[in-house]
Amino acid sequence: MRDSIRGCSPDPSPGPGPGGDSLEPTATGGLPADWFLQSLVSLINHRPHLRLDVVLQVRGLEVSGTLVSGTAYFERFARAFPDALALTDQAQRQTAYDSIAMHAARYGLRNADDSVDPPEYVHLIEAQVVSCRPRGNVDARIAVPLWRGRIDAVDGFQLRHRHAAARPDRNCGG
């Protein structure tokens, strides 16, 4: 399946369950992606100037950061990529940059058409990945400048207040 965007409304034909949420497994055996999270990602993809601080729960990990559009994510990734490769030659740096920056343009083209599939990926900047122990204690906290994950792998999410992100002693889930 391709990474794409759609308008900010939920699936027009909601499945069974409370609030139209379907808990039927998908063809791949997993649960379907959260339509509400997809609509938030779509909103951000349509309005690349918007940012939203979130905390995602992903298979026992807590991932917090700022939700950005696919365009903003790939533009930032492209700027960091030549340094990550430790390239010094300017022509090689430009080639590395261009190889990633072209993906930002894909989101720009899709923003004009709401009839495509809903987004499949969430893009965060200035993220922290926290591994939690069973009693809610932090096992490891890793800062990552860019994070990308499949929406259907997200178990839950919440809005994050900026002041909460600055508290390094905070326990998982609290």
N, C-alpha and C. Protein backbone atom coordinates (compact mmCIF):
# COMPACT_ATOMS: atom_id res chain seq x y z
N MET A 1 0.84 -1.18 0.00
CA MET A 1 0.00 0.00 0.00
C MET A 1 0.88 1.24 0.00
N ARG A 2 0.39 2.30 -0.59
CA ARG A 2 1.22 3.49 -0.67
C ARG A 2 0.87 4.48 0.44
N ASP A 3 1.84 5.29 0.79
CA ASP A 3 1.65 6.32 1.80
C ASP A 3 0.94 7.49 1.13
N SER A 4 -0.26 7.80 1.60
CA SER A 4 -1.02 8.85 0.95
C SER A 4 -1.88 9.58 1.96
N ILE A 5 -2.63 10.57 1.49
CA ILE A 5 -3.46 11.36 2.38
C ILE A 5 -4.89 11.42 1.86
N ARG A 6 -5.78 11.87 2.70
CA ARG A 6 -7.17 12.04 2.34
C ARG A 6 -7.73 13.19 3.15
N GLY A 7 -8.93 13.56 2.87
CA GLY A 7 -9.58 14.64 3.61
C GLY A 7 -9.65 14.34 5.09
N CYS A 8 -10.16 15.28 5.86
CA CYS A 8 -10.14 15.18 7.30
C CYS A 8 -11.38 14.54 7.90
N SER A 9 -12.17 13.87 7.11
CA SER A 9 -13.35 13.22 7.65
C SER A 9 -13.11 11.71 7.75
N PRO A 10 -13.80 11.06 8.71
CA PRO A 10 -13.62 9.62 8.86
C PRO A 10 -14.16 8.86 7.66
N ASP A 11 -13.84 7.59 7.61
CA ASP A 11 -14.31 6.70 6.56
C ASP A 11 -15.83 6.83 6.45
N PRO A 12 -16.36 7.09 5.26
CA PRO A 12 -17.80 7.31 5.13
C PRO A 12 -18.63 6.07 5.40
N SER A 13 -18.03 4.92 5.42
CA SER A 13 -18.79 3.70 5.70
C SER A 13 -18.20 2.99 6.91
N PRO A 14 -18.43 3.54 8.12
CA PRO A 14 -17.84 2.97 9.32
C PRO A 14 -18.35 1.57 9.57
N GLY A 15 -17.48 0.75 10.12
CA GLY A 15 -17.83 -0.63 10.43
C GLY A 15 -18.56 -0.72 11.74
N PRO A 16 -18.83 -1.95 12.19
CA PRO A 16 -19.55 -2.13 13.44
C PRO A 16 -18.70 -1.71 14.63
N GLY A 17 -19.36 -1.48 15.75
CA GLY A 17 -18.64 -1.14 16.97
C GLY A 17 -19.03 0.25 17.42
N PRO A 18 -18.63 0.61 18.64
CA PRO A 18 -19.00 1.91 19.17
C PRO A 18 -18.40 3.04 18.34
N GLY A 19 -19.22 4.01 18.01
CA GLY A 19 -18.74 5.17 17.27
C GLY A 19 -18.29 4.86 15.85
N GLY A 20 -18.69 3.69 15.30
CA GLY A 20 -18.30 3.34 13.95
C GLY A 20 -16.92 2.72 13.86
N ASP A 21 -16.26 2.47 15.00
CA ASP A 21 -14.94 1.86 14.99
C ASP A 21 -15.07 0.36 14.75
N SER A 22 -14.39 -0.11 13.72
CA SER A 22 -14.41 -1.53 13.42
C SER A 22 -13.24 -2.22 14.11
N LEU A 23 -13.51 -3.30 14.79
CA LEU A 23 -12.45 -4.07 15.42
C LEU A 23 -12.18 -5.35 14.65
N GLU A 24 -12.68 -5.42 13.43
CA GLU A 24 -12.43 -6.58 12.58
C GLU A 24 -10.99 -6.53 12.06
N PRO A 25 -10.29 -7.67 12.10
CA PRO A 25 -8.92 -7.69 11.58
C PRO A 25 -8.88 -7.32 10.10
N THR A 26 -7.78 -6.71 9.69
CA THR A 26 -7.58 -6.37 8.29
C THR A 26 -7.10 -7.60 7.54
N ALA A 27 -6.91 -7.46 6.23
CA ALA A 27 -6.45 -8.58 5.42
C ALA A 27 -5.07 -9.07 5.87
N THR A 28 -4.27 -8.19 6.50
CA THR A 28 -2.95 -8.59 6.96
C THR A 28 -2.99 -9.18 8.36
N GLY A 29 -4.18 -9.25 8.97
CA GLY A 29 -4.33 -9.86 10.28
C GLY A 29 -4.31 -8.88 11.43
N GLY A 30 -3.90 -7.63 11.21
CA GLY A 30 -3.86 -6.64 12.27
C GLY A 30 -5.17 -5.87 12.34
N LEU A 31 -5.29 -5.03 13.35
CA LEU A 31 -6.47 -4.18 13.45
C LEU A 31 -6.34 -3.02 12.47
N PRO A 32 -7.46 -2.48 12.03
CA PRO A 32 -7.39 -1.34 11.10
C PRO A 32 -6.80 -0.11 11.78
N ALA A 33 -6.28 0.78 10.97
CA ALA A 33 -5.72 2.03 11.48
C ALA A 33 -6.84 2.87 12.09
N ASP A 34 -6.50 3.64 13.10
CA ASP A 34 -7.44 4.53 13.78
C ASP A 34 -7.84 5.65 12.82
N TRP A 35 -9.12 5.71 12.46
CA TRP A 35 -9.58 6.73 11.52
C TRP A 35 -9.39 8.13 12.06
N PHE A 36 -9.50 8.29 13.39
CA PHE A 36 -9.35 9.62 13.96
C PHE A 36 -7.90 10.09 13.85
N LEU A 37 -6.94 9.21 14.15
CA LEU A 37 -5.53 9.57 13.98
C LEU A 37 -5.23 9.84 12.51
N GLN A 38 -5.80 9.04 11.62
CA GLN A 38 -5.63 9.29 10.19
C GLN A 38 -6.16 10.67 9.81
N SER A 39 -7.29 11.07 10.38
CA SER A 39 -7.85 12.38 10.04
C SER A 39 -6.97 13.52 10.57
N LEU A 40 -6.35 13.33 11.75
CA LEU A 40 -5.43 14.34 12.26
C LEU A 40 -4.19 14.45 11.38
N VAL A 41 -3.64 13.30 10.97
CA VAL A 41 -2.48 13.29 10.09
C VAL A 41 -2.84 13.95 8.76
N SER A 42 -4.01 13.65 8.25
CA SER A 42 -4.46 14.25 7.00
C SER A 42 -4.58 15.77 7.14
N LEU A 43 -5.14 16.23 8.26
CA LEU A 43 -5.25 17.67 8.52
C LEU A 43 -3.87 18.32 8.47
N ILE A 44 -2.89 17.73 9.13
CA ILE A 44 -1.53 18.28 9.15
C ILE A 44 -0.91 18.20 7.75
N ASN A 45 -1.14 17.11 7.03
CA ASN A 45 -0.60 16.99 5.67
C ASN A 45 -1.17 18.05 4.74
N HIS A 46 -2.43 18.41 4.93
CA HIS A 46 -3.07 19.44 4.10
C HIS A 46 -2.63 20.84 4.47
N ARG A 47 -2.19 21.01 5.69
CA ARG A 47 -1.78 22.33 6.18
C ARG A 47 -0.39 22.22 6.79
N PRO A 48 0.64 22.15 5.94
CA PRO A 48 2.00 21.89 6.42
C PRO A 48 2.54 22.88 7.45
N HIS A 49 1.92 24.05 7.60
CA HIS A 49 2.36 25.01 8.61
C HIS A 49 1.91 24.60 10.01
N LEU A 50 0.93 23.70 10.12
CA LEU A 50 0.44 23.27 11.43
C LEU A 50 1.38 22.25 12.05
N ARG A 51 1.43 22.24 13.38
CA ARG A 51 2.20 21.28 14.16
C ARG A 51 1.31 20.83 15.30
N LEU A 52 1.47 19.59 15.75
CA LEU A 52 0.66 19.07 16.85
C LEU A 52 1.53 18.18 17.72
N ASP A 53 1.67 18.53 19.00
CA ASP A 53 2.46 17.73 19.93
C ASP A 53 1.62 16.56 20.40
N VAL A 54 2.16 15.35 20.25
CA VAL A 54 1.44 14.13 20.58
C VAL A 54 2.34 13.14 21.31
N VAL A 55 1.69 12.18 21.97
CA VAL A 55 2.34 11.02 22.54
C VAL A 55 1.64 9.81 21.94
N LEU A 56 2.41 8.93 21.31
CA LEU A 56 1.88 7.72 20.71
C LEU A 56 2.31 6.51 21.54
N GLN A 57 1.41 5.55 21.71
CA GLN A 57 1.78 4.28 22.30
C GLN A 57 1.90 3.29 21.15
N VAL A 58 3.10 2.72 21.02
CA VAL A 58 3.39 1.82 19.90
C VAL A 58 4.05 0.56 20.43
N ARG A 59 3.27 -0.50 20.59
CA ARG A 59 3.78 -1.81 20.99
C ARG A 59 4.71 -1.74 22.20
N GLY A 60 4.23 -1.14 23.27
CA GLY A 60 5.00 -1.07 24.50
C GLY A 60 5.97 0.09 24.59
N LEU A 61 6.08 0.87 23.55
CA LEU A 61 6.92 2.06 23.56
C LEU A 61 6.04 3.29 23.62
N GLU A 62 6.57 4.34 24.20
CA GLU A 62 5.90 5.63 24.18
C GLU A 62 6.74 6.53 23.29
N VAL A 63 6.13 7.07 22.23
CA VAL A 63 6.82 7.93 21.29
C VAL A 63 6.16 9.30 21.36
N SER A 64 6.92 10.29 21.81
CA SER A 64 6.36 11.64 21.89
C SER A 64 7.14 12.54 20.95
N GLY A 65 6.45 13.50 20.39
CA GLY A 65 7.09 14.44 19.48
C GLY A 65 6.07 15.36 18.85
N THR A 66 6.51 16.05 17.84
CA THR A 66 5.65 17.00 17.14
C THR A 66 5.24 16.41 15.80
N LEU A 67 3.94 16.23 15.62
CA LEU A 67 3.39 15.71 14.38
C LEU A 67 3.52 16.79 13.31
N VAL A 68 4.14 16.42 12.18
CA VAL A 68 4.32 17.35 11.07
C VAL A 68 3.84 16.69 9.79
N SER A 69 3.70 17.48 8.75
CA SER A 69 3.29 16.95 7.46
C SER A 69 4.39 16.08 6.87
N GLY A 70 4.01 15.23 5.93
CA GLY A 70 5.00 14.44 5.21
C GLY A 70 5.98 15.33 4.48
N THR A 71 5.50 16.45 3.96
CA THR A 71 6.38 17.40 3.28
C THR A 71 7.45 17.93 4.23
N ALA A 72 7.04 18.40 5.40
CA ALA A 72 7.99 18.95 6.37
C ALA A 72 8.98 17.88 6.84
N TYR A 73 8.49 16.66 7.05
CA TYR A 73 9.35 15.57 7.50
C TYR A 73 10.44 15.27 6.47
N PHE A 74 10.04 15.09 5.20
CA PHE A 74 11.03 14.74 4.19
C PHE A 74 11.98 15.89 3.88
N GLU A 75 11.52 17.13 4.00
CA GLU A 75 12.42 18.27 3.81
C GLU A 75 13.49 18.28 4.90
N ARG A 76 13.08 18.03 6.13
CA ARG A 76 14.04 18.00 7.24
C ARG A 76 14.97 16.80 7.13
N PHE A 77 14.41 15.65 6.75
CA PHE A 77 15.23 14.44 6.57
C PHE A 77 16.28 14.68 5.48
N ALA A 78 15.87 15.30 4.39
CA ALA A 78 16.79 15.57 3.27
C ALA A 78 17.95 16.46 3.72
N ARG A 79 17.66 17.45 4.56
CA ARG A 79 18.73 18.33 5.05
C ARG A 79 19.72 17.58 5.95
N ALA A 80 19.24 16.61 6.72
CA ALA A 80 20.09 15.86 7.65
C ALA A 80 20.82 14.70 6.98
N PHE A 81 20.31 14.21 5.87
CA PHE A 81 20.83 12.99 5.24
C PHE A 81 22.30 13.08 4.83
N PRO A 82 22.76 14.12 4.15
CA PRO A 82 24.18 14.19 3.77
C PRO A 82 25.12 14.14 4.98
N ASP A 83 24.73 14.79 6.08
CA ASP A 83 25.55 14.75 7.29
C ASP A 83 25.56 13.35 7.90
N ALA A 84 24.41 12.67 7.88
CA ALA A 84 24.35 11.31 8.42
C ALA A 84 25.25 10.37 7.63
N LEU A 85 25.42 10.65 6.35
CA LEU A 85 26.31 9.84 5.51
C LEU A 85 27.77 10.30 5.60
N ALA A 86 28.02 11.39 6.33
CA ALA A 86 29.36 11.97 6.48
C ALA A 86 29.99 12.31 5.14
N LEU A 87 29.18 12.86 4.25
CA LEU A 87 29.68 13.26 2.94
C LEU A 87 30.32 14.63 3.01
N THR A 88 31.46 14.78 2.36
CA THR A 88 32.15 16.07 2.34
C THR A 88 32.13 16.70 0.94
N ASP A 89 32.08 15.87 -0.09
CA ASP A 89 32.04 16.37 -1.47
C ASP A 89 30.68 17.02 -1.73
N GLN A 90 30.69 18.26 -2.21
CA GLN A 90 29.44 19.02 -2.40
C GLN A 90 28.51 18.35 -3.40
N ALA A 91 29.04 17.79 -4.46
CA ALA A 91 28.19 17.12 -5.46
C ALA A 91 27.51 15.89 -4.86
N GLN A 92 28.24 15.14 -4.05
CA GLN A 92 27.65 13.96 -3.40
C GLN A 92 26.60 14.39 -2.37
N ARG A 93 26.89 15.47 -1.65
CA ARG A 93 25.91 15.98 -0.68
C ARG A 93 24.61 16.38 -1.38
N GLN A 94 24.74 17.05 -2.52
CA GLN A 94 23.56 17.48 -3.26
C GLN A 94 22.77 16.28 -3.78
N THR A 95 23.47 15.27 -4.28
CA THR A 95 22.81 14.05 -4.76
C THR A 95 22.05 13.36 -3.63
N ALA A 96 22.69 13.27 -2.46
CA ALA A 96 22.04 12.65 -1.30
C ALA A 96 20.81 13.45 -0.89
N TYR A 97 20.95 14.78 -0.85
CA TYR A 97 19.82 15.65 -0.50
C TYR A 97 18.67 15.44 -1.49
N ASP A 98 18.98 15.50 -2.78
CA ASP A 98 17.95 15.37 -3.82
C ASP A 98 17.23 14.03 -3.76
N SER A 99 17.97 12.97 -3.40
CA SER A 99 17.37 11.63 -3.36
C SER A 99 16.29 11.51 -2.30
N ILE A 100 16.35 12.33 -1.27
CA ILE A 100 15.33 12.32 -0.22
C ILE A 100 14.31 13.44 -0.43
N ALA A 101 14.76 14.61 -0.85
CA ALA A 101 13.87 15.76 -1.00
C ALA A 101 12.75 15.50 -2.00
N MET A 102 12.98 14.63 -2.97
CA MET A 102 11.94 14.35 -3.96
C MET A 102 10.69 13.75 -3.32
N HIS A 103 10.85 13.09 -2.17
CA HIS A 103 9.69 12.50 -1.49
C HIS A 103 8.78 13.56 -0.89
N ALA A 104 9.33 14.71 -0.53
CA ALA A 104 8.52 15.82 -0.01
C ALA A 104 7.54 16.30 -1.07
N ALA A 105 7.98 16.32 -2.32
CA ALA A 105 7.13 16.77 -3.41
C ALA A 105 5.93 15.84 -3.60
N ARG A 106 6.10 14.56 -3.30
CA ARG A 106 4.98 13.61 -3.43
C ARG A 106 3.81 14.04 -2.55
N TYR A 107 4.09 14.53 -1.36
CA TYR A 107 3.02 14.98 -0.47
C TYR A 107 2.37 16.24 -1.01
N GLY A 108 3.15 17.12 -1.59
CA GLY A 108 2.59 18.34 -2.16
C GLY A 108 1.61 18.05 -3.27
N LEU A 109 1.92 17.08 -4.12
CA LEU A 109 1.01 16.71 -5.20
C LEU A 109 -0.27 16.09 -4.65
N ARG A 110 -0.15 15.31 -3.62
CA ARG A 110 -1.33 14.64 -3.05
C ARG A 110 -2.24 15.59 -2.30
N ASN A 111 -1.69 16.67 -1.79
CA ASN A 111 -2.51 17.61 -1.04
C ASN A 111 -3.62 18.20 -1.88
N ALA A 112 -3.47 18.20 -3.20
CA ALA A 112 -4.48 18.78 -4.07
C ALA A 112 -5.67 17.85 -4.31
N ASP A 113 -5.56 16.58 -3.93
CA ASP A 113 -6.59 15.60 -4.25
C ASP A 113 -7.03 14.83 -3.01
N ASP A 114 -8.23 15.12 -2.52
CA ASP A 114 -8.75 14.45 -1.33
C ASP A 114 -9.31 13.06 -1.61
N SER A 115 -9.33 12.62 -2.85
CA SER A 115 -9.97 11.36 -3.16
C SER A 115 -9.02 10.16 -3.03
N VAL A 116 -7.77 10.38 -2.64
CA VAL A 116 -6.82 9.28 -2.49
C VAL A 116 -7.01 8.59 -1.15
N ASP A 117 -6.32 7.49 -0.96
CA ASP A 117 -6.43 6.71 0.28
C ASP A 117 -6.02 7.53 1.50
N PRO A 118 -6.49 7.13 2.68
CA PRO A 118 -6.09 7.83 3.90
C PRO A 118 -4.60 7.62 4.17
N PRO A 119 -3.98 8.49 4.99
CA PRO A 119 -2.55 8.35 5.26
C PRO A 119 -2.25 7.05 5.98
N GLU A 120 -1.09 6.50 5.70
CA GLU A 120 -0.66 5.27 6.34
C GLU A 120 0.49 5.49 7.31
N TYR A 121 1.14 6.66 7.24
CA TYR A 121 2.30 6.94 8.08
C TYR A 121 2.12 8.22 8.87
N VAL A 122 2.67 8.23 10.07
CA VAL A 122 2.70 9.40 10.92
C VAL A 122 4.16 9.87 10.98
N HIS A 123 4.36 11.18 10.92
CA HIS A 123 5.71 11.76 10.89
C HIS A 123 5.88 12.69 12.09
N LEU A 124 6.92 12.44 12.88
CA LEU A 124 7.22 13.26 14.05
C LEU A 124 8.61 13.86 13.93
N ILE A 125 8.77 15.05 14.47
CA ILE A 125 10.08 15.66 14.62
C ILE A 125 10.31 15.87 16.11
N GLU A 126 11.59 16.06 16.49
CA GLU A 126 11.96 16.29 17.89
C GLU A 126 11.29 15.26 18.80
N ALA A 127 11.43 14.00 18.44
CA ALA A 127 10.74 12.92 19.15
C ALA A 127 11.61 12.32 20.25
N GLN A 128 10.95 11.66 21.18
CA GLN A 128 11.59 10.84 22.19
C GLN A 128 10.89 9.50 22.19
N VAL A 129 11.69 8.45 22.20
CA VAL A 129 11.16 7.09 22.29
C VAL A 129 11.50 6.59 23.68
N VAL A 130 10.47 6.14 24.40
CA VAL A 130 10.65 5.68 25.77
C VAL A 130 10.19 4.23 25.85
N SER A 131 11.08 3.40 26.36
CA SER A 131 10.74 2.01 26.63
C SER A 131 10.30 1.93 28.08
N CYS A 132 9.16 1.30 28.32
CA CYS A 132 8.59 1.26 29.66
C CYS A 132 8.62 -0.15 30.24
N ARG A 133 8.90 -0.22 31.52
CA ARG A 133 8.82 -1.49 32.25
C ARG A 133 7.36 -1.71 32.67
N PRO A 134 7.03 -2.94 33.04
CA PRO A 134 5.63 -3.24 33.40
C PRO A 134 5.02 -2.33 34.46
N ARG A 135 5.78 -1.84 35.42
CA ARG A 135 5.20 -0.99 36.47
C ARG A 135 5.18 0.48 36.11
N GLY A 136 5.49 0.80 34.85
CA GLY A 136 5.40 2.18 34.40
C GLY A 136 6.68 2.97 34.53
N ASN A 137 7.76 2.33 35.00
CA ASN A 137 9.04 3.03 35.11
C ASN A 137 9.70 3.12 33.75
N VAL A 138 10.44 4.18 33.54
CA VAL A 138 11.16 4.37 32.29
C VAL A 138 12.36 3.45 32.26
N ASP A 139 12.48 2.66 31.20
CA ASP A 139 13.62 1.77 31.02
C ASP A 139 14.71 2.47 30.22
N ALA A 140 14.35 3.14 29.16
CA ALA A 140 15.30 3.86 28.33
C ALA A 140 14.59 5.02 27.64
N ARG A 141 15.28 6.14 27.49
CA ARG A 141 14.72 7.32 26.82
C ARG A 141 15.71 7.72 25.74
N ILE A 142 15.26 7.68 24.49
CA ILE A 142 16.14 7.97 23.36
C ILE A 142 15.55 9.14 22.57
N ALA A 143 16.36 10.18 22.39
CA ALA A 143 15.95 11.33 21.58
C ALA A 143 16.23 11.02 20.12
N VAL A 144 15.24 11.22 19.27
CA VAL A 144 15.41 11.03 17.83
C VAL A 144 14.88 12.27 17.12
N PRO A 145 15.68 12.85 16.24
CA PRO A 145 15.23 14.09 15.60
C PRO A 145 14.08 13.87 14.64
N LEU A 146 14.01 12.70 14.02
CA LEU A 146 12.96 12.39 13.05
C LEU A 146 12.46 10.97 13.30
N TRP A 147 11.13 10.81 13.32
CA TRP A 147 10.54 9.49 13.54
C TRP A 147 9.38 9.31 12.58
N ARG A 148 9.30 8.14 11.96
CA ARG A 148 8.22 7.81 11.03
C ARG A 148 7.71 6.43 11.37
N GLY A 149 6.39 6.29 11.48
CA GLY A 149 5.82 4.99 11.80
C GLY A 149 4.48 4.78 11.12
N ARG A 150 4.10 3.52 11.02
CA ARG A 150 2.81 3.18 10.41
C ARG A 150 1.68 3.51 11.38
N ILE A 151 0.66 4.16 10.88
CA ILE A 151 -0.49 4.51 11.71
C ILE A 151 -1.16 3.26 12.27
N ASP A 152 -1.21 2.18 11.49
CA ASP A 152 -1.87 0.98 11.99
C ASP A 152 -1.08 0.25 13.07
N ALA A 153 0.14 0.71 13.37
CA ALA A 153 0.93 0.14 14.46
C ALA A 153 0.73 0.92 15.76
N VAL A 154 0.04 2.05 15.69
CA VAL A 154 -0.19 2.88 16.87
C VAL A 154 -1.35 2.29 17.66
N ASP A 155 -1.08 1.97 18.95
CA ASP A 155 -2.10 1.39 19.82
C ASP A 155 -2.98 2.46 20.44
N GLY A 156 -2.45 3.65 20.62
CA GLY A 156 -3.21 4.75 21.21
C GLY A 156 -2.40 6.02 21.10
N PHE A 157 -3.06 7.16 21.35
CA PHE A 157 -2.35 8.43 21.30
C PHE A 157 -3.06 9.45 22.16
N GLN A 158 -2.32 10.49 22.48
CA GLN A 158 -2.90 11.60 23.23
C GLN A 158 -2.17 12.87 22.85
N LEU A 159 -2.79 13.99 23.13
CA LEU A 159 -2.13 15.27 22.91
C LEU A 159 -1.08 15.45 23.99
N ARG A 160 0.00 16.13 23.65
CA ARG A 160 1.08 16.37 24.61
C ARG A 160 1.18 17.87 24.80
N HIS A 161 1.28 18.28 26.05
CA HIS A 161 1.51 19.69 26.36
C HIS A 161 3.01 19.92 26.34
N ARG A 162 3.44 21.05 25.82
CA ARG A 162 4.87 21.36 25.71
C ARG A 162 5.59 21.27 27.05
N HIS A 163 4.97 21.73 28.13
CA HIS A 163 5.65 21.69 29.43
C HIS A 163 5.85 20.25 29.91
N ALA A 164 5.01 19.31 29.51
CA ALA A 164 5.17 17.91 29.91
C ALA A 164 6.39 17.28 29.26
N ALA A 165 6.75 17.74 28.06
CA ALA A 165 7.90 17.18 27.36
C ALA A 165 9.21 17.51 28.05
N ALA A 166 9.24 18.56 28.83
CA ALA A 166 10.48 18.99 29.47
C ALA A 166 10.75 18.26 30.78
N ARG A 167 9.84 17.39 31.22
CA ARG A 167 10.01 16.70 32.49
C ARG A 167 10.68 15.34 32.27
N PRO A 168 12.01 15.25 32.40
CA PRO A 168 12.70 13.99 32.12
C PRO A 168 12.44 12.91 33.14
N ASP A 169 11.93 13.24 34.33
CA ASP A 169 11.71 12.24 35.36
C ASP A 169 10.34 11.59 35.28
N ARG A 170 9.54 11.98 34.32
CA ARG A 170 8.16 11.48 34.20
C ARG A 170 8.16 9.99 33.93
N ASN A 171 7.26 9.26 34.57
CA ASN A 171 7.08 7.83 34.33
C ASN A 171 6.25 7.60 33.09
N CYS A 172 6.34 6.40 32.55
CA CYS A 172 5.53 6.03 31.37
C CYS A 172 4.06 6.05 31.76
N GLY A 173 3.23 6.52 30.83
CA GLY A 173 1.80 6.51 31.04
C GLY A 173 1.33 7.52 32.06
N GLY A 174 2.19 8.40 32.54
CA GLY A 174 1.78 9.33 33.58
C GLY A 174 2.04 10.75 33.27
